[in-house]
């Protein structure tokens, strides 16, 4: 019973910290990268930053899933059938941000989608005119 109370209490504190620090400012790529990789702050603050960043990314992914399911023309990236873990998404996004430092001043939400569309490009079937068979063609991203 005590363990349950501790877990519930810790969860409430984390939610309050995360929600209490939300702001109307647009998050930039450099800020997201710092939140995902910062080890210079105290253990608790570094964890809060990582949770905030992962919550931000998960919110983007969930919103994207809702809209792209309703309108497939909005697909920017296509996740593998088995899905992607939060840890894998974090690794992919951090790698992309580090490889594209000139873009870190841009909005983080756009950079997250660029990272995922590079990692998981969509393929659309197209019929081969000569054989009538379907082949896979990579759909170009809009920049």
N, C-alpha and C. Protein backbone atom coordinates (compact mmCIF):
# COMPACT_ATOMS: atom_id res chain seq x y z
N UNK A 1 0.82 -1.19 0.00
CA UNK A 1 0.00 0.00 0.00
C UNK A 1 0.87 1.26 0.00
N UNK A 2 1.94 1.26 0.79
CA UNK A 2 2.83 2.42 0.86
C UNK A 2 3.49 2.68 -0.49
N UNK A 3 3.88 1.60 -1.15
CA UNK A 3 4.51 1.75 -2.46
C UNK A 3 3.54 2.42 -3.44
N UNK A 4 2.29 2.00 -3.43
CA UNK A 4 1.28 2.58 -4.31
C UNK A 4 1.12 4.08 -4.05
N UNK A 5 1.10 4.46 -2.79
CA UNK A 5 0.97 5.88 -2.43
C UNK A 5 2.18 6.66 -2.91
N UNK A 6 3.37 6.09 -2.77
CA UNK A 6 4.59 6.75 -3.24
C UNK A 6 4.57 6.94 -4.75
N UNK A 7 4.19 5.89 -5.47
CA UNK A 7 4.13 5.97 -6.93
C UNK A 7 3.11 7.01 -7.36
N UNK A 8 1.94 6.98 -6.77
CA UNK A 8 0.89 7.95 -7.12
C UNK A 8 1.35 9.37 -6.79
N UNK A 9 1.97 9.55 -5.63
CA UNK A 9 2.45 10.88 -5.25
C UNK A 9 3.52 11.40 -6.19
N UNK A 10 4.45 10.54 -6.55
CA UNK A 10 5.51 10.93 -7.49
C UNK A 10 4.91 11.29 -8.84
N UNK A 11 3.93 10.53 -9.30
CA UNK A 11 3.30 10.81 -10.58
C UNK A 11 2.61 12.17 -10.56
N UNK A 12 1.92 12.48 -9.49
CA UNK A 12 1.23 13.78 -9.37
C UNK A 12 2.25 14.92 -9.40
N UNK A 13 3.35 14.76 -8.68
CA UNK A 13 4.38 15.80 -8.66
C UNK A 13 4.95 16.00 -10.06
N UNK A 14 5.25 14.92 -10.78
CA UNK A 14 5.81 15.03 -12.12
C UNK A 14 4.83 15.73 -13.06
N UNK A 15 3.56 15.38 -12.99
CA UNK A 15 2.56 16.03 -13.85
C UNK A 15 2.49 17.51 -13.53
N UNK A 16 2.50 17.86 -12.27
CA UNK A 16 2.46 19.28 -11.88
C UNK A 16 3.68 20.04 -12.39
N UNK A 17 4.85 19.43 -12.27
CA UNK A 17 6.07 20.07 -12.76
C UNK A 17 6.02 20.27 -14.27
N UNK A 18 5.57 19.26 -14.97
CA UNK A 18 5.52 19.34 -16.43
C UNK A 18 4.48 20.34 -16.87
N UNK A 19 3.28 20.25 -16.33
CA UNK A 19 2.21 21.17 -16.74
C UNK A 19 2.45 22.59 -16.26
N UNK A 20 3.01 22.72 -15.09
CA UNK A 20 3.26 24.05 -14.54
C UNK A 20 4.29 24.83 -15.31
N UNK A 21 5.16 24.14 -16.02
CA UNK A 21 6.21 24.84 -16.74
C UNK A 21 5.86 25.03 -18.22
N UNK A 22 4.65 24.66 -18.61
CA UNK A 22 4.25 24.85 -20.00
C UNK A 22 4.05 26.34 -20.27
N UNK A 23 4.37 26.75 -21.49
CA UNK A 23 4.19 28.15 -21.85
C UNK A 23 3.67 28.24 -23.27
N UNK A 24 3.26 29.44 -23.64
CA UNK A 24 2.72 29.65 -24.97
C UNK A 24 3.81 29.86 -26.01
N UNK A 25 5.06 29.94 -25.58
CA UNK A 25 6.16 30.15 -26.52
C UNK A 25 6.33 28.93 -27.42
N UNK A 26 6.78 29.21 -28.64
CA UNK A 26 7.07 28.14 -29.56
C UNK A 26 8.44 27.56 -29.23
N UNK A 27 8.50 26.25 -29.12
CA UNK A 27 9.75 25.57 -28.81
C UNK A 27 10.61 25.50 -30.06
N UNK A 28 11.88 25.87 -29.93
CA UNK A 28 12.83 25.81 -31.05
C UNK A 28 13.60 24.49 -31.00
N UNK A 29 14.23 24.16 -32.12
CA UNK A 29 15.01 22.93 -32.21
C UNK A 29 16.15 22.87 -31.21
N UNK A 30 16.85 24.00 -31.00
CA UNK A 30 17.96 23.99 -30.04
C UNK A 30 17.47 23.73 -28.62
N UNK A 31 16.28 24.24 -28.30
CA UNK A 31 15.72 24.01 -26.97
C UNK A 31 15.33 22.55 -26.79
N UNK A 32 14.72 21.98 -27.82
CA UNK A 32 14.33 20.57 -27.75
C UNK A 32 15.56 19.68 -27.61
N UNK A 33 16.59 19.96 -28.39
CA UNK A 33 17.82 19.17 -28.32
C UNK A 33 18.44 19.26 -26.93
N UNK A 34 18.46 20.44 -26.36
CA UNK A 34 19.01 20.62 -25.01
C UNK A 34 18.19 19.82 -23.99
N UNK A 35 16.88 19.86 -24.13
CA UNK A 35 16.02 19.13 -23.20
C UNK A 35 16.22 17.62 -23.30
N UNK A 36 16.48 17.14 -24.50
CA UNK A 36 16.65 15.70 -24.71
C UNK A 36 18.03 15.18 -24.32
N UNK A 37 19.02 16.07 -24.29
CA UNK A 37 20.40 15.61 -24.10
C UNK A 37 21.12 16.24 -22.92
N UNK A 38 20.53 17.20 -22.24
CA UNK A 38 21.23 17.94 -21.19
C UNK A 38 21.53 17.07 -19.98
N UNK A 39 22.82 16.92 -19.70
CA UNK A 39 23.25 16.21 -18.50
C UNK A 39 23.94 17.15 -17.53
N UNK A 40 23.97 18.44 -17.85
CA UNK A 40 24.69 19.40 -17.02
C UNK A 40 23.89 19.85 -15.81
N UNK A 41 22.57 19.70 -15.86
CA UNK A 41 21.75 20.13 -14.72
C UNK A 41 21.63 18.99 -13.72
N UNK A 42 20.99 19.28 -12.61
CA UNK A 42 20.81 18.26 -11.57
C UNK A 42 20.00 17.10 -12.11
N UNK A 43 20.12 15.97 -11.47
CA UNK A 43 19.42 14.77 -11.91
C UNK A 43 17.92 14.98 -12.05
N UNK A 44 17.31 15.62 -11.08
CA UNK A 44 15.86 15.84 -11.12
C UNK A 44 15.49 16.76 -12.27
N UNK A 45 16.21 17.86 -12.44
CA UNK A 45 15.89 18.81 -13.52
C UNK A 45 16.13 18.19 -14.89
N UNK A 46 17.19 17.41 -15.04
CA UNK A 46 17.46 16.73 -16.31
C UNK A 46 16.32 15.77 -16.64
N UNK A 47 15.82 15.04 -15.63
CA UNK A 47 14.69 14.14 -15.85
C UNK A 47 13.43 14.89 -16.24
N UNK A 48 13.18 16.00 -15.56
CA UNK A 48 12.01 16.82 -15.89
C UNK A 48 12.10 17.30 -17.34
N UNK A 49 13.30 17.77 -17.73
CA UNK A 49 13.49 18.23 -19.12
C UNK A 49 13.23 17.11 -20.11
N UNK A 50 13.75 15.92 -19.83
CA UNK A 50 13.54 14.79 -20.75
C UNK A 50 12.07 14.42 -20.83
N UNK A 51 11.39 14.40 -19.67
CA UNK A 51 9.96 14.07 -19.68
C UNK A 51 9.16 15.11 -20.44
N UNK A 52 9.50 16.38 -20.25
CA UNK A 52 8.80 17.44 -20.99
C UNK A 52 9.01 17.27 -22.48
N UNK A 53 10.26 17.02 -22.89
CA UNK A 53 10.57 16.86 -24.31
C UNK A 53 9.85 15.64 -24.89
N UNK A 54 9.88 14.54 -24.18
CA UNK A 54 9.22 13.33 -24.69
C UNK A 54 7.70 13.50 -24.70
N UNK A 55 7.17 14.23 -23.74
CA UNK A 55 5.73 14.53 -23.76
C UNK A 55 5.37 15.39 -24.96
N UNK A 56 6.23 16.35 -25.25
CA UNK A 56 6.04 17.22 -26.42
C UNK A 56 6.05 16.39 -27.70
N UNK A 57 7.04 15.51 -27.82
CA UNK A 57 7.15 14.67 -29.02
C UNK A 57 5.97 13.72 -29.12
N UNK A 58 5.59 13.11 -28.01
CA UNK A 58 4.46 12.17 -28.03
C UNK A 58 3.17 12.90 -28.41
N UNK A 59 3.01 14.13 -27.95
CA UNK A 59 1.84 14.92 -28.34
C UNK A 59 1.81 15.19 -29.84
N UNK A 60 2.97 15.50 -30.40
CA UNK A 60 3.05 15.70 -31.85
C UNK A 60 2.69 14.42 -32.61
N UNK A 61 3.25 13.30 -32.15
CA UNK A 61 2.98 12.02 -32.80
C UNK A 61 1.51 11.64 -32.72
N UNK A 62 0.91 11.84 -31.55
CA UNK A 62 -0.50 11.52 -31.39
C UNK A 62 -1.38 12.39 -32.27
N UNK A 63 -1.09 13.69 -32.29
CA UNK A 63 -1.88 14.61 -33.14
C UNK A 63 -1.74 14.23 -34.61
N UNK A 64 -0.52 13.93 -35.01
CA UNK A 64 -0.27 13.53 -36.40
C UNK A 64 -1.05 12.28 -36.75
N UNK A 65 -1.05 11.30 -35.84
CA UNK A 65 -1.77 10.06 -36.09
C UNK A 65 -3.25 10.31 -36.30
N UNK A 66 -3.84 11.16 -35.48
CA UNK A 66 -5.27 11.47 -35.61
C UNK A 66 -5.56 12.10 -36.96
N UNK A 67 -4.78 13.11 -37.35
CA UNK A 67 -5.06 13.82 -38.59
C UNK A 67 -4.73 13.00 -39.82
N UNK A 68 -3.63 12.26 -39.80
CA UNK A 68 -3.26 11.48 -40.98
C UNK A 68 -4.17 10.27 -41.16
N UNK A 69 -4.76 9.78 -40.08
CA UNK A 69 -5.73 8.69 -40.19
C UNK A 69 -7.01 9.18 -40.85
N UNK A 70 -7.39 10.39 -40.52
CA UNK A 70 -8.61 10.97 -41.10
C UNK A 70 -8.41 11.38 -42.54
N UNK A 71 -7.21 11.84 -42.88
CA UNK A 71 -6.92 12.30 -44.24
C UNK A 71 -5.54 11.79 -44.65
N UNK A 72 -5.47 10.64 -45.34
CA UNK A 72 -4.18 10.06 -45.71
C UNK A 72 -3.30 10.97 -46.57
N UNK A 73 -3.87 11.98 -47.21
CA UNK A 73 -3.05 12.89 -48.00
C UNK A 73 -2.12 13.73 -47.11
N UNK A 74 -2.38 13.72 -45.82
CA UNK A 74 -1.55 14.49 -44.89
C UNK A 74 -0.35 13.70 -44.38
N UNK A 75 -0.16 12.47 -44.86
CA UNK A 75 0.95 11.65 -44.38
C UNK A 75 2.29 12.30 -44.71
N UNK A 76 3.12 12.46 -43.68
CA UNK A 76 4.45 13.02 -43.83
C UNK A 76 5.48 11.91 -43.70
N UNK A 77 5.21 10.96 -42.82
CA UNK A 77 6.08 9.82 -42.62
C UNK A 77 5.21 8.60 -42.40
N UNK A 78 5.79 7.42 -42.56
CA UNK A 78 5.05 6.17 -42.41
C UNK A 78 5.82 5.26 -41.46
N UNK A 79 5.31 5.13 -40.26
CA UNK A 79 5.96 4.29 -39.26
C UNK A 79 5.91 2.82 -39.69
N UNK A 80 6.89 2.04 -39.26
CA UNK A 80 6.84 0.60 -39.53
C UNK A 80 5.62 -0.02 -38.84
N UNK A 81 5.16 -1.15 -39.36
CA UNK A 81 3.97 -1.79 -38.80
C UNK A 81 4.13 -2.12 -37.32
N UNK A 82 5.33 -2.50 -36.92
CA UNK A 82 5.56 -2.85 -35.51
C UNK A 82 5.67 -1.62 -34.63
N UNK A 83 5.66 -0.44 -35.22
CA UNK A 83 5.74 0.80 -34.45
C UNK A 83 7.16 1.15 -34.07
N UNK A 84 7.29 2.21 -33.31
CA UNK A 84 8.59 2.71 -32.86
C UNK A 84 8.45 3.04 -31.38
N UNK A 85 9.41 2.61 -30.60
CA UNK A 85 9.38 2.92 -29.17
C UNK A 85 9.72 4.39 -28.95
N UNK A 86 9.37 4.89 -27.79
CA UNK A 86 9.72 6.28 -27.44
C UNK A 86 11.23 6.46 -27.44
N UNK A 87 11.95 5.45 -26.96
CA UNK A 87 13.41 5.54 -26.92
C UNK A 87 13.99 5.63 -28.34
N UNK A 88 13.45 4.83 -29.25
CA UNK A 88 13.93 4.87 -30.63
C UNK A 88 13.61 6.21 -31.27
N UNK A 89 12.41 6.73 -31.05
CA UNK A 89 12.03 8.04 -31.60
C UNK A 89 12.97 9.11 -31.06
N UNK A 90 13.28 9.04 -29.78
CA UNK A 90 14.20 10.02 -29.17
C UNK A 90 15.57 9.95 -29.83
N UNK A 91 16.09 8.75 -30.03
CA UNK A 91 17.40 8.58 -30.64
C UNK A 91 17.41 9.14 -32.06
N UNK A 92 16.37 8.84 -32.83
CA UNK A 92 16.29 9.32 -34.21
C UNK A 92 16.23 10.85 -34.27
N UNK A 93 15.44 11.43 -33.40
CA UNK A 93 15.26 12.89 -33.39
C UNK A 93 16.54 13.59 -32.95
N UNK A 94 17.18 13.08 -31.89
CA UNK A 94 18.43 13.68 -31.42
C UNK A 94 19.49 13.60 -32.51
N UNK A 95 19.61 12.44 -33.16
CA UNK A 95 20.58 12.27 -34.24
C UNK A 95 20.33 13.28 -35.36
N UNK A 96 19.08 13.43 -35.77
CA UNK A 96 18.74 14.34 -36.86
C UNK A 96 19.06 15.78 -36.47
N UNK A 97 18.71 16.16 -35.25
CA UNK A 97 18.98 17.53 -34.79
C UNK A 97 20.48 17.81 -34.76
N UNK A 98 21.27 16.85 -34.30
CA UNK A 98 22.72 17.04 -34.25
C UNK A 98 23.33 17.10 -35.65
N UNK A 99 22.74 16.39 -36.60
CA UNK A 99 23.26 16.39 -37.97
C UNK A 99 22.80 17.61 -38.77
N UNK A 100 21.87 18.39 -38.23
CA UNK A 100 21.34 19.56 -38.93
C UNK A 100 21.39 20.79 -38.04
N UNK A 101 22.57 21.18 -37.57
CA UNK A 101 22.67 22.29 -36.62
C UNK A 101 22.23 23.64 -37.19
N UNK A 102 22.31 23.81 -38.50
CA UNK A 102 21.90 25.09 -39.10
C UNK A 102 20.39 25.32 -39.02
N UNK A 103 19.66 24.28 -38.68
CA UNK A 103 18.20 24.39 -38.64
C UNK A 103 17.65 24.47 -37.22
N UNK A 104 18.52 24.49 -36.22
CA UNK A 104 18.06 24.44 -34.84
C UNK A 104 17.27 25.67 -34.40
N UNK A 105 17.33 26.75 -35.16
CA UNK A 105 16.56 27.94 -34.81
C UNK A 105 15.09 27.80 -35.24
N UNK A 106 14.78 26.78 -36.02
CA UNK A 106 13.42 26.58 -36.52
C UNK A 106 12.54 25.95 -35.43
N UNK A 107 11.23 25.96 -35.68
CA UNK A 107 10.28 25.40 -34.74
C UNK A 107 10.54 23.90 -34.56
N UNK A 108 10.55 23.47 -33.32
CA UNK A 108 10.86 22.07 -33.00
C UNK A 108 9.87 21.12 -33.65
N UNK A 109 8.60 21.49 -33.71
CA UNK A 109 7.60 20.57 -34.27
C UNK A 109 7.91 20.25 -35.73
N UNK A 110 8.37 21.24 -36.49
CA UNK A 110 8.71 20.99 -37.89
C UNK A 110 9.93 20.09 -38.00
N UNK A 111 10.91 20.31 -37.12
CA UNK A 111 12.13 19.51 -37.16
C UNK A 111 11.87 18.06 -36.77
N UNK A 112 10.95 17.85 -35.82
CA UNK A 112 10.58 16.48 -35.44
C UNK A 112 9.99 15.76 -36.64
N UNK A 113 9.11 16.42 -37.38
CA UNK A 113 8.50 15.79 -38.55
C UNK A 113 9.53 15.55 -39.66
N UNK A 114 10.48 16.46 -39.83
CA UNK A 114 11.55 16.23 -40.81
C UNK A 114 12.38 15.01 -40.43
N UNK A 115 12.71 14.90 -39.14
CA UNK A 115 13.51 13.77 -38.67
C UNK A 115 12.78 12.45 -38.93
N UNK A 116 11.50 12.42 -38.63
CA UNK A 116 10.74 11.19 -38.80
C UNK A 116 10.48 10.87 -40.27
N UNK A 117 10.29 11.91 -41.09
CA UNK A 117 10.06 11.64 -42.52
C UNK A 117 11.35 11.17 -43.20
N UNK A 118 12.51 11.61 -42.71
CA UNK A 118 13.77 11.10 -43.23
C UNK A 118 13.98 9.64 -42.80
N UNK A 119 13.60 9.33 -41.57
CA UNK A 119 13.78 7.97 -41.05
C UNK A 119 12.75 6.99 -41.60
N UNK A 120 11.53 7.46 -41.82
CA UNK A 120 10.44 6.60 -42.25
C UNK A 120 9.68 7.20 -43.44
N UNK A 121 10.33 7.26 -44.61
CA UNK A 121 9.65 7.84 -45.77
C UNK A 121 8.45 6.99 -46.19
N UNK A 122 7.43 7.65 -46.70
CA UNK A 122 6.25 6.94 -47.18
C UNK A 122 6.50 6.42 -48.59
N UNK A 123 5.92 5.31 -48.87
CA UNK A 123 5.99 4.73 -50.21
C UNK A 123 4.56 4.54 -50.70
N UNK A 124 4.33 4.93 -51.92
CA UNK A 124 3.01 4.75 -52.52
C UNK A 124 3.11 3.78 -53.67
N UNK A 125 2.16 2.86 -53.79
CA UNK A 125 2.19 1.94 -54.92
C UNK A 125 1.83 2.66 -56.22
N UNK A 126 2.52 2.31 -57.28
CA UNK A 126 2.19 2.84 -58.59
C UNK A 126 2.24 1.71 -59.58
N UNK A 127 1.32 1.67 -60.49
CA UNK A 127 1.26 0.58 -61.46
C UNK A 127 2.28 0.81 -62.56
N UNK A 128 3.05 -0.22 -62.87
CA UNK A 128 3.99 -0.17 -63.98
C UNK A 128 3.18 -0.28 -65.27
N UNK A 129 3.37 0.67 -66.16
CA UNK A 129 2.56 0.71 -67.39
C UNK A 129 2.78 -0.52 -68.27
N UNK A 130 4.00 -1.06 -68.28
CA UNK A 130 4.30 -2.20 -69.16
C UNK A 130 3.79 -3.52 -68.60
N UNK A 131 3.93 -3.73 -67.31
CA UNK A 131 3.58 -5.03 -66.74
C UNK A 131 2.28 -4.98 -65.94
N UNK A 132 1.83 -3.79 -65.56
CA UNK A 132 0.64 -3.68 -64.75
C UNK A 132 0.88 -4.03 -63.29
N UNK A 133 2.13 -4.36 -62.96
CA UNK A 133 2.46 -4.72 -61.59
C UNK A 133 2.77 -3.47 -60.78
N UNK A 134 2.53 -3.56 -59.50
CA UNK A 134 2.76 -2.43 -58.61
C UNK A 134 4.21 -2.40 -58.16
N UNK A 135 4.78 -1.22 -58.09
CA UNK A 135 6.13 -1.05 -57.56
C UNK A 135 6.07 0.01 -56.47
N UNK A 136 7.10 0.08 -55.65
CA UNK A 136 7.16 1.04 -54.56
C UNK A 136 7.93 2.28 -55.01
N UNK A 137 7.32 3.43 -54.80
CA UNK A 137 7.96 4.70 -55.16
C UNK A 137 7.99 5.58 -53.93
N UNK A 138 9.14 6.17 -53.66
CA UNK A 138 9.26 7.06 -52.50
C UNK A 138 8.58 8.39 -52.84
N UNK A 139 7.74 8.84 -51.93
CA UNK A 139 7.04 10.11 -52.10
C UNK A 139 7.96 11.23 -51.62
N UNK A 140 8.25 12.22 -52.46
CA UNK A 140 9.14 13.31 -52.03
C UNK A 140 8.48 14.17 -50.97
N UNK A 141 9.30 14.67 -50.04
CA UNK A 141 8.84 15.58 -49.01
C UNK A 141 8.76 16.99 -49.56
N UNK A 142 7.81 17.75 -49.04
CA UNK A 142 7.77 19.17 -49.38
C UNK A 142 8.67 19.90 -48.41
N UNK A 143 9.42 20.88 -48.91
CA UNK A 143 10.30 21.65 -48.02
C UNK A 143 9.79 23.05 -47.86
